[in-house]
Amino acid sequence: MGDKLSIKRDGDIVIISLDNPEKMNALTLSMWRELGAAMQTLSADDDIRCVVLRGAGTKAFAAGADIGEFAAQRSNREQARSYAEVTTAAMQAIEQCRHPVIAMIHGVCVGGGLEIASLCDIRICGESSRFGAPVGQLGLTMSYAELGALIRLAGRAVAMEIVLEGRIFNAQEAYAKGLVSRVVADDAVEEESIATARRIARGAPLVARWHKQAANRLTQSPELTAAEIESALDCFDTEDFRIGAEAFNAKQKPVFKGK
């Protein structure tokens, strides 16, 4: 990928790093574009069982948009429209990725960083992590996609508090608001995130993908079609169900094949 997005593969786990540490991993337009493309490619790979998103280093997950680009990339309505098309596509690619996605959060996670993390399935941060979205201080609005992600994660009241106040708050408050799944010691963030990814990867991948698809669908509307309800029974026709049941009865650990 580009010089500000790196991808590392460790068996069936993939780690994507937002790699702009000199600017606290602030997101450039090219980073958004590359992130969207990477997530689409990884989503189509059946050999992957979990994706981990992180910022390079330990000072920041991502400190929002790269403000230095605004003059050239986001200074008027037309530029902003083109910019939003790229960011919205990237956000959709994260949310619609078939595989579970973990946000490994070191340090600062604000603005666009918080928006990206909110689209992940599990968010693990350190005790000194900081969160917020001070867009109002820039005279900017969040897009529908960005605000919608926050609302789906933490509810309207929390999302409004975040965007109206623009306040930066700590990890414990983020946990209380439902913005993060787990808070661990700063030096344990990477270890816990990778351990979580490995636990997910040991499970049946078809089941993990179905649960993610179903959760996304239920977030949109609880009204299901008969075909959607029936799809929950598809697992009984898979080889992985046979493997899991036999391993359980034999008191062994299953080795799933994704079939």
Protein backbone atom coordinates (compact mmCIF):
# COMPACT_ATOMS: atom_id res chain seq x y z
CA MET A 1 0.00 0.00 0.00
CA GLY A 2 1.00 3.66 0.21
CA ASP A 3 3.60 5.14 2.49
CA LYS A 4 1.01 6.03 5.17
CA LEU A 5 -0.86 2.74 5.38
CA SER A 6 0.89 -0.53 6.15
CA ILE A 7 -0.51 -4.05 6.15
CA LYS A 8 0.97 -7.02 7.99
CA ARG A 9 -0.37 -10.54 7.71
CA ASP A 10 0.05 -13.08 10.51
CA GLY A 11 -1.59 -16.28 9.35
CA ASP A 12 -5.34 -15.68 9.26
CA ILE A 13 -5.06 -12.31 11.05
CA VAL A 14 -4.30 -9.04 9.25
CA ILE A 15 -3.06 -5.88 10.97
CA ILE A 16 -3.57 -2.55 9.20
CA SER A 17 -1.62 0.41 10.56
CA LEU A 18 -2.49 4.06 9.97
CA ASP A 19 1.09 5.17 9.49
CA ASN A 20 1.49 8.92 9.88
CA PRO A 21 3.16 9.09 13.32
CA GLU A 22 4.78 12.49 12.83
CA LYS A 23 1.23 13.90 12.80
CA MET A 24 -0.28 11.55 15.41
CA ASN A 25 -1.53 9.36 12.54
CA ALA A 26 -3.75 12.17 11.25
CA LEU A 27 -5.72 10.94 8.26
CA THR A 28 -4.84 12.24 4.81
CA LEU A 29 -7.17 11.84 1.86
CA SER A 30 -4.86 9.21 0.38
CA MET A 31 -4.95 7.28 3.66
CA TRP A 32 -8.75 7.23 3.59
CA ARG A 33 -8.68 6.06 -0.03
CA GLU A 34 -6.12 3.33 0.66
CA LEU A 35 -7.95 2.20 3.79
CA GLY A 36 -11.20 1.76 1.87
CA ALA A 37 -9.48 -0.18 -0.91
CA ALA A 38 -7.62 -2.38 1.57
CA MET A 39 -10.76 -3.24 3.53
CA GLN A 40 -12.62 -4.20 0.34
CA THR A 41 -9.76 -6.45 -0.75
CA LEU A 42 -9.43 -8.12 2.64
CA SER A 43 -13.18 -8.62 2.93
CA ALA A 44 -13.13 -10.78 -0.19
CA ASP A 45 -10.32 -13.02 1.15
CA ASP A 46 -11.79 -16.19 2.66
CA ASP A 47 -8.48 -17.09 4.31
CA ILE A 48 -8.75 -14.12 6.70
CA ARG A 49 -10.54 -14.55 10.01
CA CYS A 50 -9.93 -11.21 11.73
CA VAL A 51 -8.68 -7.71 10.87
CA VAL A 52 -6.99 -5.43 13.40
CA LEU A 53 -6.86 -1.66 12.82
CA ARG A 54 -4.28 0.39 14.70
CA GLY A 55 -2.22 3.55 14.55
CA ALA A 56 1.54 3.40 14.11
CA GLY A 57 3.39 3.71 17.40
CA THR A 58 1.73 4.13 20.78
CA LYS A 59 0.89 7.85 20.90
CA ALA A 60 -2.24 7.79 18.77
CA PHE A 61 -4.75 5.62 16.99
CA ALA A 62 -5.55 8.64 14.82
CA ALA A 63 -5.81 12.35 15.65
CA GLY A 64 -8.55 13.11 13.14
CA ALA A 65 -8.10 14.66 9.72
CA ASP A 66 -4.81 16.10 8.52
CA ILE A 67 -5.72 19.78 8.81
CA GLY A 68 -2.70 20.71 6.68
CA GLU A 69 -4.52 19.28 3.65
CA PHE A 70 -7.61 21.44 4.02
CA ALA A 71 -6.38 24.36 1.93
CA ALA A 72 -5.79 22.11 -1.08
CA GLN A 73 -8.29 19.29 -0.52
CA ARG A 74 -11.22 20.63 1.49
CA SER A 75 -11.44 24.40 1.14
CA ASN A 76 -14.82 24.67 -0.59
CA ARG A 77 -18.09 22.83 -1.17
CA GLU A 78 -16.98 20.96 -4.32
CA GLN A 79 -13.74 19.77 -2.77
CA ALA A 80 -15.57 18.78 0.40
CA ARG A 81 -18.06 16.74 -1.62
CA SER A 82 -15.26 14.79 -3.32
CA TYR A 83 -13.50 14.34 0.03
CA ALA A 84 -16.68 13.02 1.65
CA GLU A 85 -17.18 10.49 -1.14
CA VAL A 86 -13.80 8.98 -0.32
CA THR A 87 -14.27 8.95 3.47
CA THR A 88 -17.81 7.57 3.24
CA ALA A 89 -16.64 4.76 0.95
CA ALA A 90 -13.88 3.90 3.40
CA MET A 91 -16.26 3.87 6.35
CA GLN A 92 -18.69 1.64 4.48
CA ALA A 93 -15.85 -0.74 3.62
CA ILE A 94 -14.90 -1.04 7.30
CA GLU A 95 -18.46 -1.59 8.48
CA GLN A 96 -19.30 -4.01 5.66
CA CYS A 97 -16.09 -6.04 5.91
CA ARG A 98 -17.22 -9.67 6.23
CA HIS A 99 -14.58 -10.41 8.85
CA PRO A 100 -14.61 -9.20 12.46
CA VAL A 101 -12.61 -5.98 12.87
CA ILE A 102 -10.82 -4.94 16.07
CA ALA A 103 -9.65 -1.40 16.84
CA MET A 104 -6.35 -1.47 18.76
CA ILE A 105 -6.34 1.98 20.36
CA HIS A 106 -3.19 3.50 21.78
CA GLY A 107 -3.31 7.11 22.95
CA VAL A 108 -5.34 9.71 21.07
CA CYS A 109 -8.49 8.62 19.20
CA VAL A 110 -10.37 11.71 18.07
CA GLY A 111 -12.31 13.00 15.07
CA GLY A 112 -11.84 10.66 12.14
CA GLY A 113 -9.99 8.24 14.41
CA LEU A 114 -13.05 7.91 16.64
CA GLU A 115 -15.25 7.53 13.58
CA ILE A 116 -13.11 4.66 12.26
CA ALA A 117 -12.97 2.97 15.67
CA SER A 118 -16.76 3.26 16.03
CA LEU A 119 -17.18 1.11 12.92
CA CYS A 120 -15.08 -1.72 14.30
CA ASP A 121 -16.70 -4.67 16.07
CA ILE A 122 -14.49 -4.57 19.18
CA ARG A 123 -12.49 -1.59 20.52
CA ILE A 124 -9.65 -2.10 23.00
CA CYS A 125 -7.84 0.92 24.43
CA GLY A 126 -5.23 1.85 27.02
CA GLU A 127 -5.85 3.60 30.32
CA SER A 128 -4.36 6.87 29.05
CA SER A 129 -6.30 6.92 25.77
CA ARG A 130 -8.25 10.05 24.93
CA PHE A 131 -11.39 10.44 22.86
CA GLY A 132 -13.56 13.14 21.32
CA ALA A 133 -14.63 14.90 18.13
CA PRO A 134 -13.99 18.67 18.32
CA VAL A 135 -15.31 19.33 14.81
CA GLY A 136 -17.33 22.29 16.02
CA GLN A 137 -14.08 24.07 16.85
CA LEU A 138 -13.20 23.87 13.15
CA GLY A 139 -16.61 25.01 11.94
CA LEU A 140 -17.16 21.59 10.40
CA THR A 141 -20.10 19.23 10.45
CA MET A 142 -19.82 15.48 10.63
CA SER A 143 -21.29 13.73 7.62
CA TYR A 144 -24.37 11.54 7.99
CA ALA A 145 -22.14 8.46 7.71
CA GLU A 146 -19.83 9.68 10.47
CA LEU A 147 -22.53 10.79 12.88
CA GLY A 148 -24.61 7.72 12.11
CA ALA A 149 -21.74 5.45 13.14
CA LEU A 150 -21.49 7.18 16.52
CA ILE A 151 -25.25 7.02 17.06
CA ARG A 152 -25.40 3.31 16.21
CA LEU A 153 -22.55 2.63 18.63
CA ALA A 154 -23.40 4.75 21.66
CA GLY A 155 -26.85 6.24 21.05
CA ARG A 156 -28.10 9.69 20.14
CA ALA A 157 -27.53 11.28 23.56
CA VAL A 158 -23.85 10.33 23.70
CA ALA A 159 -23.25 11.27 20.06
CA MET A 160 -24.81 14.69 20.58
CA GLU A 161 -22.77 15.29 23.72
CA ILE A 162 -19.60 14.47 21.79
CA VAL A 163 -20.26 16.70 18.78
CA LEU A 164 -21.89 19.61 20.63
CA GLU A 165 -19.32 19.97 23.41
CA GLY A 166 -16.25 18.96 21.41
CA ARG A 167 -14.69 17.87 24.70
CA ILE A 168 -11.77 15.46 24.94
CA PHE A 169 -12.40 12.77 27.57
CA ASN A 170 -10.56 9.83 29.07
CA ALA A 171 -10.74 6.07 28.57
CA GLN A 172 -12.92 5.35 31.59
CA GLU A 173 -15.53 7.85 30.39
CA ALA A 174 -15.34 6.35 26.91
CA TYR A 175 -15.97 2.92 28.42
CA ALA A 176 -18.91 4.23 30.46
CA LYS A 177 -20.39 5.77 27.31
CA GLY A 178 -20.10 2.46 25.44
CA LEU A 179 -17.49 3.77 23.01
CA VAL A 180 -14.90 1.13 23.87
CA SER A 181 -15.26 -2.55 24.69
CA ARG A 182 -12.31 -2.92 27.05
CA VAL A 183 -9.77 -0.73 28.86
CA VAL A 184 -6.40 -2.28 29.71
CA ALA A 185 -3.00 -1.04 30.85
CA ASP A 186 -1.27 1.02 28.18
CA ASP A 187 1.50 -1.55 27.76
CA ALA A 188 -1.06 -4.35 27.35
CA VAL A 189 -3.12 -2.87 24.48
CA GLU A 190 -1.29 -4.67 21.69
CA GLU A 191 -1.07 -7.98 23.52
CA GLU A 192 -4.77 -7.95 24.44
CA SER A 193 -5.85 -6.89 20.95
CA ILE A 194 -3.86 -9.66 19.25
CA ALA A 195 -5.03 -12.21 21.83
CA THR A 196 -8.61 -11.16 21.10
CA ALA A 197 -8.01 -11.54 17.35
CA ARG A 198 -6.60 -15.02 17.91
CA ARG A 199 -9.61 -16.05 19.99
CA ILE A 200 -11.87 -14.89 17.17
CA ALA A 201 -9.72 -16.67 14.58
CA ARG A 202 -10.02 -19.95 16.47
CA GLY A 203 -13.80 -19.85 16.09
CA ALA A 204 -15.77 -20.95 13.06
CA PRO A 205 -15.22 -18.20 10.45
CA LEU A 206 -18.54 -18.75 8.69
CA VAL A 207 -20.31 -18.24 12.00
CA ALA A 208 -18.34 -15.08 12.80
CA ARG A 209 -19.19 -13.63 9.39
CA TRP A 210 -22.86 -14.54 9.78
CA HIS A 211 -23.04 -12.95 13.23
CA LYS A 212 -21.49 -9.74 11.89
CA GLN A 213 -23.86 -9.64 8.92
CA ALA A 214 -26.84 -10.31 11.17
CA ALA A 215 -25.79 -7.65 13.70
CA ASN A 216 -25.46 -5.07 10.93
CA ARG A 217 -28.85 -6.06 9.57
CA LEU A 218 -30.56 -5.91 12.97
CA THR A 219 -29.06 -2.48 13.61
CA GLN A 220 -30.84 -1.23 10.51
CA SER A 221 -34.22 -2.76 11.36
CA PRO A 222 -35.55 -5.58 13.56
CA GLU A 223 -38.08 -6.55 10.87
CA LEU A 224 -36.72 -9.66 9.17
CA THR A 225 -37.86 -11.57 6.11
CA ALA A 226 -38.59 -15.29 6.26
CA ALA A 227 -35.46 -15.94 4.18
CA GLU A 228 -33.31 -13.98 6.62
CA ILE A 229 -34.68 -15.94 9.58
CA GLU A 230 -34.10 -19.19 7.71
CA SER A 231 -30.47 -18.23 7.02
CA ALA A 232 -29.65 -18.73 10.71
CA LEU A 233 -30.04 -22.47 10.09
CA ASP A 234 -27.46 -22.58 7.29
CA CYS A 235 -24.72 -23.42 9.80
CA PHE A 236 -26.19 -26.90 10.27
CA ASP A 237 -25.25 -27.74 6.67
CA THR A 238 -21.58 -26.82 7.11
CA GLU A 239 -18.54 -28.98 7.70
CA ASP A 240 -17.52 -26.62 10.50
CA PHE A 241 -20.66 -27.57 12.46
CA ARG A 242 -19.71 -31.23 12.20
CA ILE A 243 -16.13 -30.44 13.24
CA GLY A 244 -17.28 -28.35 16.20
CA ALA A 245 -19.80 -30.89 17.45
CA GLU A 246 -17.35 -33.81 17.16
CA ALA A 247 -14.59 -31.87 18.89
CA PHE A 248 -16.92 -30.89 21.73
CA ASN A 249 -18.00 -34.49 22.30
CA ALA A 250 -14.39 -35.66 22.18
CA LYS A 251 -13.33 -32.86 24.57
CA GLN A 252 -10.89 -31.57 21.95
CA LYS A 253 -10.28 -28.15 20.44
CA PRO A 254 -11.92 -27.80 17.01
CA VAL A 255 -9.89 -26.84 13.96
CA PHE A 256 -12.37 -25.13 11.67
CA LYS A 257 -11.96 -25.06 7.89
CA GLY A 258 -14.41 -22.32 6.95
CA LYS A 259 -16.55 -24.75 4.95
